[in-house]
């Protein structure tokens, strides 16, 4: 069974960040069954700080890093602070990079964020997506931002389902995962016009064509 790791950087209990993370995880496993493990970053704050001073993670943080590195897919959700991800969220992934630089290379990641106003929705593309692209992760096209007014309103459920379908498709290794969730493979691309059948290639007689052009001139 696939392994899905959810990294939630919410600070309060209960947390809207954790609520969004749980809904994204439920939608993803509803499409592709997976074993889910949740990492609450706030519980690891002290060990994260010690990683930068000691040079190695504590026991609980090391276990979280191992889970992230072994995951077939990640869901990462942060609250918005000063129009960007939280410092604790960033510190978790900075510490991960210190201990295992390639931990996220090629790994499918669904990004999410929560905030008090819809004005901060650009945090997905201006902060989160560049961060995980730098870490060489494969970020699914649809990110999910939830403002206070989005809970219970139209639109949020659709974004969650779409993003979950993209992540589930990548985790399942389907070639059509990004465009069609779990609907199947994309149709084969048509052969270019004029291309010979099989492995044969047409040799273009450029010298003859140039000579013909000179004669015509």
N, C-alpha and C. Protein backbone atom coordinates (compact mmCIF):
# COMPACT_ATOMS: atom_id res chain seq x y z
N UNK A 1 0.84 -1.20 0.00
CA UNK A 1 0.00 0.00 0.00
C UNK A 1 0.87 1.24 0.00
N UNK A 2 0.42 2.28 -0.71
CA UNK A 2 1.16 3.54 -0.77
C UNK A 2 1.22 4.20 0.60
N UNK A 3 2.22 5.03 0.79
CA UNK A 3 2.39 5.77 2.04
C UNK A 3 2.22 7.25 1.77
N UNK A 4 1.28 7.87 2.47
CA UNK A 4 1.00 9.29 2.34
C UNK A 4 1.34 9.96 3.66
N UNK A 5 2.21 10.97 3.62
CA UNK A 5 2.59 11.71 4.81
C UNK A 5 2.01 13.12 4.72
N UNK A 6 1.38 13.55 5.80
CA UNK A 6 0.77 14.87 5.88
C UNK A 6 1.58 15.71 6.86
N UNK A 7 2.10 16.84 6.40
CA UNK A 7 2.86 17.75 7.25
C UNK A 7 1.99 18.98 7.52
N UNK A 8 1.57 19.13 8.76
CA UNK A 8 0.69 20.24 9.15
C UNK A 8 1.44 21.17 10.10
N UNK A 9 1.44 22.46 9.76
CA UNK A 9 2.17 23.44 10.58
C UNK A 9 1.24 24.33 11.37
N UNK A 10 0.02 23.89 11.63
CA UNK A 10 -0.89 24.66 12.45
C UNK A 10 -0.38 24.81 13.86
N UNK A 11 -0.72 25.92 14.51
CA UNK A 11 -0.22 26.20 15.85
C UNK A 11 -1.27 26.04 16.93
N UNK A 12 -2.53 26.22 16.59
CA UNK A 12 -3.60 26.16 17.59
C UNK A 12 -4.24 24.78 17.61
N UNK A 13 -5.03 24.53 18.67
CA UNK A 13 -5.80 23.28 18.78
C UNK A 13 -7.21 23.65 19.21
N UNK A 14 -8.22 23.41 18.36
CA UNK A 14 -8.12 22.84 17.00
C UNK A 14 -7.54 23.84 16.02
N UNK A 15 -7.14 23.35 14.86
CA UNK A 15 -6.44 24.17 13.88
C UNK A 15 -7.12 24.05 12.53
N UNK A 16 -7.38 25.19 11.88
CA UNK A 16 -7.94 25.15 10.53
C UNK A 16 -6.92 24.57 9.55
N UNK A 17 -5.64 24.74 9.85
CA UNK A 17 -4.60 24.15 9.01
C UNK A 17 -4.67 22.63 9.05
N UNK A 18 -4.82 22.08 10.24
CA UNK A 18 -4.95 20.62 10.37
C UNK A 18 -6.26 20.14 9.74
N UNK A 19 -7.32 20.93 9.86
CA UNK A 19 -8.59 20.54 9.26
C UNK A 19 -8.46 20.44 7.75
N UNK A 20 -7.80 21.41 7.13
CA UNK A 20 -7.60 21.35 5.69
C UNK A 20 -6.72 20.17 5.33
N UNK A 21 -5.67 19.94 6.10
CA UNK A 21 -4.77 18.80 5.83
C UNK A 21 -5.53 17.48 5.89
N UNK A 22 -6.40 17.33 6.89
CA UNK A 22 -7.17 16.09 7.03
C UNK A 22 -8.13 15.90 5.87
N UNK A 23 -8.76 16.99 5.41
CA UNK A 23 -9.69 16.87 4.29
C UNK A 23 -8.96 16.52 3.00
N UNK A 24 -7.79 17.08 2.81
CA UNK A 24 -7.00 16.73 1.62
C UNK A 24 -6.56 15.27 1.67
N UNK A 25 -6.18 14.81 2.84
CA UNK A 25 -5.76 13.41 2.98
C UNK A 25 -6.92 12.46 2.74
N UNK A 26 -8.10 12.79 3.28
CA UNK A 26 -9.26 11.93 3.10
C UNK A 26 -9.66 11.86 1.63
N UNK A 27 -9.60 13.00 0.94
CA UNK A 27 -9.96 13.00 -0.49
C UNK A 27 -8.95 12.21 -1.31
N UNK A 28 -7.69 12.27 -0.94
CA UNK A 28 -6.65 11.54 -1.67
C UNK A 28 -6.79 10.04 -1.47
N UNK A 29 -6.95 9.62 -0.22
CA UNK A 29 -7.08 8.18 0.04
C UNK A 29 -8.42 7.64 -0.45
N UNK A 30 -9.39 8.51 -0.65
CA UNK A 30 -10.65 8.07 -1.24
C UNK A 30 -10.50 7.68 -2.69
N UNK A 31 -9.47 8.19 -3.34
CA UNK A 31 -9.21 7.86 -4.75
C UNK A 31 -8.16 6.77 -4.89
N UNK A 32 -7.19 6.78 -4.00
CA UNK A 32 -6.12 5.77 -4.04
C UNK A 32 -5.78 5.39 -2.60
N UNK A 33 -6.20 4.21 -2.14
CA UNK A 33 -5.95 3.83 -0.74
C UNK A 33 -4.48 3.96 -0.37
N UNK A 34 -4.22 4.53 0.80
CA UNK A 34 -2.85 4.74 1.25
C UNK A 34 -2.82 4.75 2.77
N UNK A 35 -1.68 4.38 3.31
CA UNK A 35 -1.45 4.47 4.75
C UNK A 35 -1.04 5.91 5.06
N UNK A 36 -1.76 6.57 5.96
CA UNK A 36 -1.55 7.99 6.24
C UNK A 36 -0.82 8.18 7.57
N UNK A 37 0.20 9.03 7.55
CA UNK A 37 0.89 9.44 8.77
C UNK A 37 0.91 10.95 8.81
N UNK A 38 0.52 11.52 9.96
CA UNK A 38 0.47 12.97 10.11
C UNK A 38 1.65 13.44 10.96
N UNK A 39 2.34 14.45 10.47
CA UNK A 39 3.43 15.08 11.21
C UNK A 39 2.96 16.46 11.65
N UNK A 40 2.82 16.67 12.96
CA UNK A 40 2.47 17.98 13.51
C UNK A 40 3.77 18.72 13.82
N UNK A 41 4.05 19.73 13.02
CA UNK A 41 5.34 20.41 13.13
C UNK A 41 5.49 21.11 14.48
N UNK A 42 4.40 21.61 15.04
CA UNK A 42 4.52 22.34 16.31
C UNK A 42 5.06 21.45 17.43
N UNK A 43 4.81 20.14 17.35
CA UNK A 43 5.31 19.22 18.37
C UNK A 43 6.81 18.98 18.25
N UNK A 44 7.39 19.43 17.14
CA UNK A 44 8.81 19.18 16.88
C UNK A 44 9.64 20.45 16.92
N UNK A 45 9.05 21.55 17.39
CA UNK A 45 9.71 22.86 17.31
C UNK A 45 11.06 22.87 18.01
N UNK A 46 11.14 22.31 19.21
CA UNK A 46 12.40 22.33 19.96
C UNK A 46 13.47 21.50 19.25
N UNK A 47 13.10 20.33 18.76
CA UNK A 47 14.07 19.49 18.06
C UNK A 47 14.52 20.12 16.75
N UNK A 48 13.62 20.85 16.09
CA UNK A 48 14.00 21.55 14.86
C UNK A 48 15.08 22.58 15.18
N UNK A 49 14.87 23.36 16.24
CA UNK A 49 15.86 24.37 16.63
C UNK A 49 17.20 23.72 16.97
N UNK A 50 17.16 22.60 17.69
CA UNK A 50 18.40 21.93 18.07
C UNK A 50 19.14 21.37 16.86
N UNK A 51 18.42 21.05 15.81
CA UNK A 51 19.06 20.52 14.60
C UNK A 51 20.04 21.53 14.02
N UNK A 52 19.67 22.80 14.06
CA UNK A 52 20.55 23.83 13.49
C UNK A 52 21.76 24.11 14.38
N UNK A 53 21.64 23.86 15.67
CA UNK A 53 22.77 24.10 16.58
C UNK A 53 23.62 22.87 16.81
N UNK A 54 22.98 21.69 16.79
CA UNK A 54 23.72 20.44 17.03
C UNK A 54 24.19 19.76 15.75
N UNK A 55 23.48 20.03 14.65
CA UNK A 55 23.86 19.42 13.38
C UNK A 55 23.18 18.10 13.09
N UNK A 56 22.33 17.61 14.01
CA UNK A 56 21.61 16.36 13.75
C UNK A 56 20.25 16.42 14.46
N UNK A 57 19.24 15.73 13.90
CA UNK A 57 17.89 15.79 14.47
C UNK A 57 17.74 14.90 15.70
N UNK A 58 16.82 15.27 16.59
CA UNK A 58 16.47 14.43 17.72
C UNK A 58 15.67 13.22 17.26
N UNK A 59 15.33 12.36 18.19
CA UNK A 59 14.69 11.08 17.85
C UNK A 59 13.36 11.28 17.14
N UNK A 60 12.48 12.14 17.67
CA UNK A 60 11.16 12.32 17.07
C UNK A 60 11.26 13.00 15.72
N UNK A 61 12.14 13.99 15.61
CA UNK A 61 12.30 14.68 14.33
C UNK A 61 12.91 13.76 13.29
N UNK A 62 13.86 12.94 13.70
CA UNK A 62 14.46 11.98 12.77
C UNK A 62 13.42 11.00 12.25
N UNK A 63 12.50 10.57 13.12
CA UNK A 63 11.44 9.66 12.69
C UNK A 63 10.53 10.35 11.67
N UNK A 64 10.24 11.64 11.90
CA UNK A 64 9.42 12.40 10.95
C UNK A 64 10.13 12.54 9.61
N UNK A 65 11.43 12.81 9.65
CA UNK A 65 12.20 12.93 8.41
C UNK A 65 12.22 11.59 7.66
N UNK A 66 12.37 10.50 8.38
CA UNK A 66 12.37 9.18 7.74
C UNK A 66 11.03 8.91 7.06
N UNK A 67 9.93 9.31 7.73
CA UNK A 67 8.61 9.10 7.15
C UNK A 67 8.44 9.91 5.88
N UNK A 68 8.90 11.16 5.90
CA UNK A 68 8.80 12.02 4.71
C UNK A 68 9.62 11.43 3.56
N UNK A 69 10.83 11.01 3.86
CA UNK A 69 11.70 10.47 2.81
C UNK A 69 11.15 9.18 2.20
N UNK A 70 10.44 8.38 3.01
CA UNK A 70 9.91 7.10 2.54
C UNK A 70 8.52 7.21 1.92
N UNK A 71 7.91 8.38 2.00
CA UNK A 71 6.53 8.55 1.52
C UNK A 71 6.44 8.47 0.00
N UNK A 72 5.30 7.97 -0.46
CA UNK A 72 5.02 7.98 -1.90
C UNK A 72 4.40 9.30 -2.33
N UNK A 73 3.90 10.07 -1.36
CA UNK A 73 3.31 11.37 -1.65
C UNK A 73 3.22 12.18 -0.37
N UNK A 74 3.23 13.52 -0.52
CA UNK A 74 3.16 14.41 0.63
C UNK A 74 2.02 15.41 0.46
N UNK A 75 1.39 15.73 1.58
CA UNK A 75 0.48 16.87 1.66
C UNK A 75 1.08 17.81 2.68
N UNK A 76 1.34 19.05 2.30
CA UNK A 76 1.95 20.02 3.21
C UNK A 76 1.03 21.23 3.32
N UNK A 77 0.72 21.62 4.55
CA UNK A 77 -0.21 22.73 4.77
C UNK A 77 0.36 23.65 5.85
N UNK A 78 0.34 24.96 5.57
CA UNK A 78 0.86 25.94 6.51
C UNK A 78 -0.13 27.08 6.70
N UNK A 79 -0.17 27.67 7.88
CA UNK A 79 -0.89 28.93 8.03
C UNK A 79 -0.07 30.04 7.39
N UNK A 80 -0.73 31.13 7.03
CA UNK A 80 -0.03 32.26 6.41
C UNK A 80 0.40 33.24 7.48
N UNK A 81 1.68 33.61 7.45
CA UNK A 81 2.22 34.66 8.31
C UNK A 81 2.98 35.65 7.44
N UNK A 82 2.63 36.94 7.56
CA UNK A 82 3.31 38.00 6.79
C UNK A 82 3.34 37.65 5.30
N UNK A 83 2.21 37.18 4.79
CA UNK A 83 2.03 36.88 3.37
C UNK A 83 2.91 35.75 2.86
N UNK A 84 3.35 34.86 3.76
CA UNK A 84 4.17 33.72 3.34
C UNK A 84 3.91 32.55 4.28
N UNK A 85 4.65 31.45 4.09
CA UNK A 85 4.54 30.31 4.98
C UNK A 85 5.09 30.69 6.35
N UNK A 86 4.73 29.92 7.35
CA UNK A 86 5.21 30.20 8.71
C UNK A 86 6.69 29.85 8.82
N UNK A 87 7.36 30.51 9.78
CA UNK A 87 8.77 30.23 9.99
C UNK A 87 9.00 28.81 10.45
N UNK A 88 8.09 28.27 11.25
CA UNK A 88 8.24 26.90 11.74
C UNK A 88 8.12 25.90 10.59
N UNK A 89 7.19 26.16 9.69
CA UNK A 89 7.02 25.31 8.50
C UNK A 89 8.30 25.29 7.68
N UNK A 90 8.84 26.49 7.40
CA UNK A 90 10.07 26.58 6.60
C UNK A 90 11.24 25.92 7.32
N UNK A 91 11.31 26.10 8.65
CA UNK A 91 12.41 25.53 9.41
C UNK A 91 12.39 24.01 9.36
N UNK A 92 11.20 23.41 9.33
CA UNK A 92 11.10 21.95 9.25
C UNK A 92 11.77 21.45 7.97
N UNK A 93 11.47 22.10 6.86
CA UNK A 93 12.03 21.64 5.59
C UNK A 93 13.49 22.07 5.42
N UNK A 94 13.88 23.18 6.05
CA UNK A 94 15.30 23.53 6.06
C UNK A 94 16.10 22.48 6.82
N UNK A 95 15.59 22.07 7.98
CA UNK A 95 16.27 21.05 8.77
C UNK A 95 16.32 19.72 8.03
N UNK A 96 15.25 19.39 7.31
CA UNK A 96 15.24 18.17 6.50
C UNK A 96 16.32 18.23 5.44
N UNK A 97 16.49 19.37 4.80
CA UNK A 97 17.51 19.52 3.76
C UNK A 97 18.92 19.39 4.33
N UNK A 98 19.09 19.86 5.57
CA UNK A 98 20.40 19.76 6.22
C UNK A 98 20.78 18.30 6.44
N UNK A 99 19.80 17.49 6.82
CA UNK A 99 20.09 16.09 7.14
C UNK A 99 19.98 15.16 5.92
N UNK A 100 19.15 15.52 4.95
CA UNK A 100 18.97 14.68 3.76
C UNK A 100 18.58 15.59 2.59
N UNK A 101 19.58 16.07 1.89
CA UNK A 101 19.36 17.09 0.85
C UNK A 101 18.41 16.64 -0.24
N UNK A 102 18.43 15.36 -0.58
CA UNK A 102 17.60 14.87 -1.68
C UNK A 102 16.32 14.18 -1.25
N UNK A 103 15.87 14.43 -0.03
CA UNK A 103 14.73 13.69 0.52
C UNK A 103 13.46 13.89 -0.30
N UNK A 104 13.28 15.07 -0.91
CA UNK A 104 12.04 15.35 -1.64
C UNK A 104 12.20 15.25 -3.15
N UNK A 105 13.37 14.90 -3.63
CA UNK A 105 13.61 14.85 -5.07
C UNK A 105 12.65 13.88 -5.76
N UNK A 106 11.87 14.39 -6.70
CA UNK A 106 10.94 13.57 -7.46
C UNK A 106 9.69 13.15 -6.72
N UNK A 107 9.48 13.65 -5.51
CA UNK A 107 8.35 13.21 -4.70
C UNK A 107 7.12 14.08 -4.99
N UNK A 108 5.94 13.47 -5.23
CA UNK A 108 4.73 14.26 -5.45
C UNK A 108 4.30 15.00 -4.18
N UNK A 109 4.02 16.29 -4.32
CA UNK A 109 3.64 17.13 -3.18
C UNK A 109 2.41 17.95 -3.52
N UNK A 110 1.43 17.90 -2.63
CA UNK A 110 0.24 18.75 -2.73
C UNK A 110 0.42 19.87 -1.71
N UNK A 111 0.36 21.12 -2.16
CA UNK A 111 0.57 22.26 -1.27
C UNK A 111 -0.77 22.88 -0.86
N UNK A 112 -0.86 23.30 0.41
CA UNK A 112 -2.06 23.94 0.91
C UNK A 112 -1.71 25.01 1.93
N UNK A 113 -2.62 25.95 2.14
CA UNK A 113 -2.39 27.02 3.11
C UNK A 113 -3.73 27.53 3.62
N UNK A 114 -3.71 28.09 4.80
CA UNK A 114 -4.91 28.69 5.40
C UNK A 114 -4.59 30.10 5.86
N UNK A 115 -5.61 30.95 5.83
CA UNK A 115 -5.42 32.33 6.26
C UNK A 115 -6.75 32.99 6.56
N UNK A 116 -6.68 34.19 7.10
CA UNK A 116 -7.88 34.89 7.50
C UNK A 116 -8.60 35.59 6.38
N UNK A 117 -7.92 35.78 5.25
CA UNK A 117 -8.53 36.50 4.13
C UNK A 117 -8.07 35.89 2.81
N UNK A 118 -8.92 36.00 1.81
CA UNK A 118 -8.59 35.47 0.48
C UNK A 118 -7.46 36.23 -0.18
N UNK A 119 -7.11 37.40 0.32
CA UNK A 119 -6.05 38.20 -0.30
C UNK A 119 -4.70 37.50 -0.24
N UNK A 120 -4.56 36.54 0.66
CA UNK A 120 -3.28 35.85 0.80
C UNK A 120 -3.19 34.57 -0.03
N UNK A 121 -4.15 34.33 -0.90
CA UNK A 121 -4.17 33.07 -1.66
C UNK A 121 -2.95 32.92 -2.58
N UNK A 122 -2.32 34.03 -2.97
CA UNK A 122 -1.16 33.95 -3.85
C UNK A 122 0.06 33.34 -3.17
N UNK A 123 -0.05 33.11 -1.85
CA UNK A 123 1.06 32.47 -1.14
C UNK A 123 1.39 31.10 -1.75
N UNK A 124 0.40 30.45 -2.34
CA UNK A 124 0.64 29.14 -2.94
C UNK A 124 1.66 29.22 -4.07
N UNK A 125 1.47 30.18 -4.96
CA UNK A 125 2.34 30.28 -6.14
C UNK A 125 3.57 31.13 -5.90
N UNK A 126 3.50 32.08 -4.98
CA UNK A 126 4.64 32.98 -4.76
C UNK A 126 5.61 32.48 -3.70
N UNK A 127 5.18 31.57 -2.83
CA UNK A 127 6.05 31.10 -1.76
C UNK A 127 6.18 29.59 -1.73
N UNK A 128 5.05 28.87 -1.62
CA UNK A 128 5.12 27.42 -1.46
C UNK A 128 5.63 26.70 -2.71
N UNK A 129 5.10 27.06 -3.86
CA UNK A 129 5.50 26.34 -5.07
C UNK A 129 7.00 26.53 -5.37
N UNK A 130 7.54 27.74 -5.28
CA UNK A 130 8.99 27.88 -5.50
C UNK A 130 9.82 27.12 -4.47
N UNK A 131 9.36 27.08 -3.21
CA UNK A 131 10.11 26.35 -2.18
C UNK A 131 10.26 24.88 -2.55
N UNK A 132 9.16 24.24 -2.93
CA UNK A 132 9.23 22.81 -3.19
C UNK A 132 9.82 22.51 -4.56
N UNK A 133 9.73 23.46 -5.49
CA UNK A 133 10.46 23.29 -6.75
C UNK A 133 11.96 23.31 -6.48
N UNK A 134 12.39 24.19 -5.57
CA UNK A 134 13.81 24.25 -5.21
C UNK A 134 14.27 22.94 -4.56
N UNK A 135 13.37 22.31 -3.81
CA UNK A 135 13.71 21.04 -3.16
C UNK A 135 13.56 19.86 -4.12
N UNK A 136 13.27 20.16 -5.39
CA UNK A 136 13.18 19.17 -6.48
C UNK A 136 11.99 18.23 -6.34
N UNK A 137 10.95 18.67 -5.62
CA UNK A 137 9.72 17.89 -5.54
C UNK A 137 8.88 18.12 -6.79
N UNK A 138 7.92 17.23 -7.02
CA UNK A 138 6.96 17.39 -8.12
C UNK A 138 5.67 17.94 -7.51
N UNK A 139 5.43 19.22 -7.69
CA UNK A 139 4.27 19.88 -7.08
C UNK A 139 3.06 19.74 -8.00
N UNK A 140 1.96 19.22 -7.47
CA UNK A 140 0.78 19.04 -8.31
C UNK A 140 0.24 20.40 -8.76
N UNK A 141 -0.40 20.48 -9.92
CA UNK A 141 -0.83 21.77 -10.45
C UNK A 141 -1.78 22.55 -9.55
N UNK A 142 -2.68 21.86 -8.87
CA UNK A 142 -3.70 22.55 -8.06
C UNK A 142 -3.26 22.62 -6.61
N UNK A 143 -3.06 23.84 -6.12
CA UNK A 143 -2.85 24.06 -4.70
C UNK A 143 -4.17 24.48 -4.07
N UNK A 144 -4.31 24.32 -2.77
CA UNK A 144 -5.58 24.63 -2.10
C UNK A 144 -5.34 25.65 -0.99
N UNK A 145 -5.99 26.80 -1.12
CA UNK A 145 -5.95 27.84 -0.09
C UNK A 145 -7.35 27.96 0.51
N UNK A 146 -7.41 28.02 1.82
CA UNK A 146 -8.70 28.15 2.50
C UNK A 146 -8.67 29.36 3.41
N UNK A 147 -9.44 30.39 3.05
CA UNK A 147 -9.63 31.55 3.92
C UNK A 147 -10.76 31.26 4.89
N UNK A 148 -10.93 32.13 5.87
CA UNK A 148 -11.97 31.91 6.87
C UNK A 148 -13.34 31.76 6.25
N UNK A 149 -13.60 32.57 5.21
CA UNK A 149 -14.93 32.54 4.60
C UNK A 149 -15.15 31.35 3.68
N UNK A 150 -14.08 30.60 3.38
CA UNK A 150 -14.21 29.46 2.47
C UNK A 150 -14.83 28.23 3.13
N UNK A 151 -14.73 28.15 4.45
CA UNK A 151 -15.25 26.96 5.13
C UNK A 151 -16.78 26.94 5.04
N UNK A 152 -17.30 25.91 4.42
CA UNK A 152 -18.74 25.79 4.23
C UNK A 152 -19.26 26.49 3.00
N UNK A 153 -18.40 27.19 2.27
CA UNK A 153 -18.81 27.89 1.06
C UNK A 153 -18.54 27.03 -0.17
N UNK A 154 -19.17 27.40 -1.28
CA UNK A 154 -18.96 26.66 -2.52
C UNK A 154 -17.54 26.90 -3.03
N UNK A 155 -16.99 25.91 -3.64
CA UNK A 155 -15.68 26.06 -4.28
C UNK A 155 -14.57 25.30 -3.58
N UNK A 156 -14.56 25.31 -2.25
CA UNK A 156 -13.46 24.65 -1.54
C UNK A 156 -13.46 23.15 -1.78
N UNK A 157 -14.62 22.53 -1.70
CA UNK A 157 -14.70 21.08 -1.92
C UNK A 157 -14.18 20.69 -3.29
N UNK A 158 -14.52 21.49 -4.30
CA UNK A 158 -14.08 21.19 -5.65
C UNK A 158 -12.57 21.29 -5.79
N UNK A 159 -11.97 22.30 -5.16
CA UNK A 159 -10.51 22.44 -5.23
C UNK A 159 -9.82 21.29 -4.51
N UNK A 160 -10.39 20.89 -3.37
CA UNK A 160 -9.82 19.76 -2.63
C UNK A 160 -9.87 18.49 -3.47
N UNK A 161 -11.00 18.22 -4.09
CA UNK A 161 -11.13 17.00 -4.88
C UNK A 161 -10.21 17.00 -6.09
N UNK A 162 -10.10 18.15 -6.72
CA UNK A 162 -9.23 18.23 -7.90
C UNK A 162 -7.76 18.01 -7.52
N UNK A 163 -7.31 18.69 -6.47
CA UNK A 163 -5.92 18.53 -6.03
C UNK A 163 -5.66 17.10 -5.58
N UNK A 164 -6.61 16.52 -4.86
CA UNK A 164 -6.45 15.14 -4.38
C UNK A 164 -6.36 14.17 -5.54
N UNK A 165 -7.14 14.39 -6.59
CA UNK A 165 -7.08 13.53 -7.76
C UNK A 165 -5.73 13.59 -8.45
N UNK A 166 -5.16 14.80 -8.50
CA UNK A 166 -3.84 14.94 -9.12
C UNK A 166 -2.77 14.23 -8.31
N UNK A 167 -2.82 14.39 -6.99
CA UNK A 167 -1.83 13.72 -6.14
C UNK A 167 -2.00 12.21 -6.19
N UNK A 168 -3.24 11.74 -6.12
CA UNK A 168 -3.49 10.29 -6.16
C UNK A 168 -3.00 9.70 -7.48
N UNK A 169 -3.20 10.43 -8.57
CA UNK A 169 -2.74 9.96 -9.87
C UNK A 169 -1.23 9.81 -9.92
N UNK A 170 -0.52 10.79 -9.38
CA UNK A 170 0.94 10.70 -9.37
C UNK A 170 1.41 9.57 -8.46
N UNK A 171 0.77 9.44 -7.31
CA UNK A 171 1.16 8.37 -6.39
C UNK A 171 0.92 7.00 -7.00
N UNK A 172 -0.12 6.90 -7.81
CA UNK A 172 -0.42 5.61 -8.45
C UNK A 172 0.45 5.37 -9.67
N UNK A 173 1.20 6.39 -10.08
CA UNK A 173 2.10 6.22 -11.21
C UNK A 173 1.40 6.18 -12.55
N UNK A 174 0.21 6.78 -12.65
CA UNK A 174 -0.51 6.78 -13.91
C UNK A 174 -0.02 7.90 -14.80
N UNK A 175 0.16 7.60 -16.06
CA UNK A 175 0.65 8.61 -16.99
C UNK A 175 -0.35 9.73 -17.18
N UNK A 176 -1.63 9.45 -16.95
CA UNK A 176 -2.65 10.48 -17.10
C UNK A 176 -3.06 11.09 -15.79
N UNK A 177 -2.28 10.94 -14.76
CA UNK A 177 -2.68 11.38 -13.44
C UNK A 177 -2.94 12.86 -13.33
N UNK A 178 -2.11 13.70 -13.95
CA UNK A 178 -2.28 15.13 -13.78
C UNK A 178 -3.54 15.65 -14.43
N UNK A 179 -3.87 15.13 -15.60
CA UNK A 179 -5.00 15.70 -16.31
C UNK A 179 -6.31 15.01 -16.01
N UNK A 180 -6.25 13.77 -15.56
CA UNK A 180 -7.50 13.04 -15.42
C UNK A 180 -7.63 12.27 -14.13
N UNK A 181 -6.79 12.60 -13.12
CA UNK A 181 -6.90 11.89 -11.85
C UNK A 181 -6.65 10.42 -12.07
N UNK A 182 -7.63 9.58 -11.78
CA UNK A 182 -7.48 8.14 -11.94
C UNK A 182 -8.29 7.61 -13.10
N UNK A 183 -8.56 8.45 -14.08
CA UNK A 183 -9.47 8.04 -15.15
C UNK A 183 -8.80 7.13 -16.17
N UNK A 184 -7.47 7.09 -16.22
CA UNK A 184 -6.80 6.23 -17.18
C UNK A 184 -5.68 6.96 -17.87
N UNK A 185 -5.10 6.31 -18.86
CA UNK A 185 -3.96 6.88 -19.55
C UNK A 185 -4.41 7.87 -20.61
N UNK A 186 -3.52 8.81 -20.93
CA UNK A 186 -3.79 9.76 -22.00
C UNK A 186 -3.70 9.04 -23.34
N UNK A 187 -4.49 9.48 -24.34
CA UNK A 187 -4.38 8.86 -25.66
C UNK A 187 -3.01 9.12 -26.26
N UNK A 188 -2.58 8.17 -27.09
CA UNK A 188 -1.27 8.32 -27.71
C UNK A 188 -1.27 9.52 -28.64
N UNK A 189 -0.15 10.23 -28.69
CA UNK A 189 -0.04 11.40 -29.55
C UNK A 189 -0.06 10.96 -31.01
N UNK A 190 -0.74 11.71 -31.88
CA UNK A 190 -0.78 11.34 -33.30
C UNK A 190 0.59 11.47 -33.93
N UNK A 191 0.84 10.64 -34.94
CA UNK A 191 2.09 10.72 -35.66
C UNK A 191 2.14 12.02 -36.46
N UNK A 192 3.29 12.69 -36.52
CA UNK A 192 3.39 13.91 -37.32
C UNK A 192 3.07 13.63 -38.78
N UNK A 193 2.44 14.60 -39.42
CA UNK A 193 2.06 14.44 -40.81
C UNK A 193 3.29 14.21 -41.67
N UNK A 194 3.20 13.23 -42.56
CA UNK A 194 4.29 12.96 -43.48
C UNK A 194 5.37 12.06 -42.94
N UNK A 195 5.25 11.63 -41.69
CA UNK A 195 6.28 10.75 -41.13
C UNK A 195 6.07 9.33 -41.63
N UNK A 196 7.10 8.68 -42.13
CA UNK A 196 6.94 7.30 -42.63
C UNK A 196 6.62 6.36 -41.49
N UNK A 197 5.96 5.26 -41.83
CA UNK A 197 5.62 4.26 -40.83
C UNK A 197 6.88 3.54 -40.37
N UNK A 198 6.81 2.97 -39.16
CA UNK A 198 7.93 2.20 -38.64
C UNK A 198 9.06 3.10 -38.19
N UNK A 199 10.28 2.56 -38.26
CA UNK A 199 11.44 3.29 -37.79
C UNK A 199 12.15 4.05 -38.90
N UNK A 200 11.60 4.03 -40.12
CA UNK A 200 12.26 4.68 -41.25
C UNK A 200 12.14 6.19 -41.12
N UNK A 201 13.14 6.93 -41.60
CA UNK A 201 13.12 8.39 -41.58
C UNK A 201 13.27 8.90 -43.01
N UNK A 202 12.52 9.92 -43.31
CA UNK A 202 12.60 10.53 -44.64
C UNK A 202 13.82 11.43 -44.71
N UNK A 203 14.65 11.26 -45.75
CA UNK A 203 15.82 12.11 -45.95
C UNK A 203 15.40 13.29 -46.82
N UNK A 204 15.54 14.49 -46.28
CA UNK A 204 15.13 15.69 -47.02
C UNK A 204 16.28 16.14 -47.91
N UNK A 205 16.09 16.19 -49.25
CA UNK A 205 17.17 16.58 -50.19
C UNK A 205 17.31 18.10 -50.23
N UNK A 206 17.98 18.68 -49.23
CA UNK A 206 18.08 20.13 -49.14
C UNK A 206 18.81 20.74 -50.34
N UNK A 207 19.91 20.10 -50.77
CA UNK A 207 20.69 20.67 -51.88
C UNK A 207 19.85 20.76 -53.14
N UNK A 208 19.06 19.70 -53.40
CA UNK A 208 18.22 19.71 -54.59
C UNK A 208 17.16 20.81 -54.49
N UNK A 209 16.58 20.97 -53.30
CA UNK A 209 15.54 21.98 -53.13
C UNK A 209 16.11 23.38 -53.24
N UNK A 210 17.33 23.59 -52.72
CA UNK A 210 17.96 24.90 -52.86
C UNK A 210 18.29 25.19 -54.31
N UNK A 211 18.78 24.17 -55.04
CA UNK A 211 19.08 24.35 -56.46
C UNK A 211 17.84 24.71 -57.23
N UNK A 212 16.71 24.06 -56.89
CA UNK A 212 15.45 24.36 -57.57
C UNK A 212 15.01 25.79 -57.30
N UNK A 213 15.24 26.26 -56.09
CA UNK A 213 14.86 27.64 -55.75
C UNK A 213 15.71 28.65 -56.54
N UNK A 214 17.02 28.33 -56.68
CA UNK A 214 17.90 29.25 -57.43
C UNK A 214 17.48 29.29 -58.89
N UNK A 215 17.12 28.11 -59.43
CA UNK A 215 16.70 28.07 -60.84
C UNK A 215 15.42 28.85 -61.05
N UNK A 216 14.52 28.75 -60.08
CA UNK A 216 13.24 29.45 -60.21
C UNK A 216 13.43 30.96 -60.11
N UNK A 217 14.48 31.38 -59.35
CA UNK A 217 14.73 32.81 -59.20
C UNK A 217 15.33 33.39 -60.46
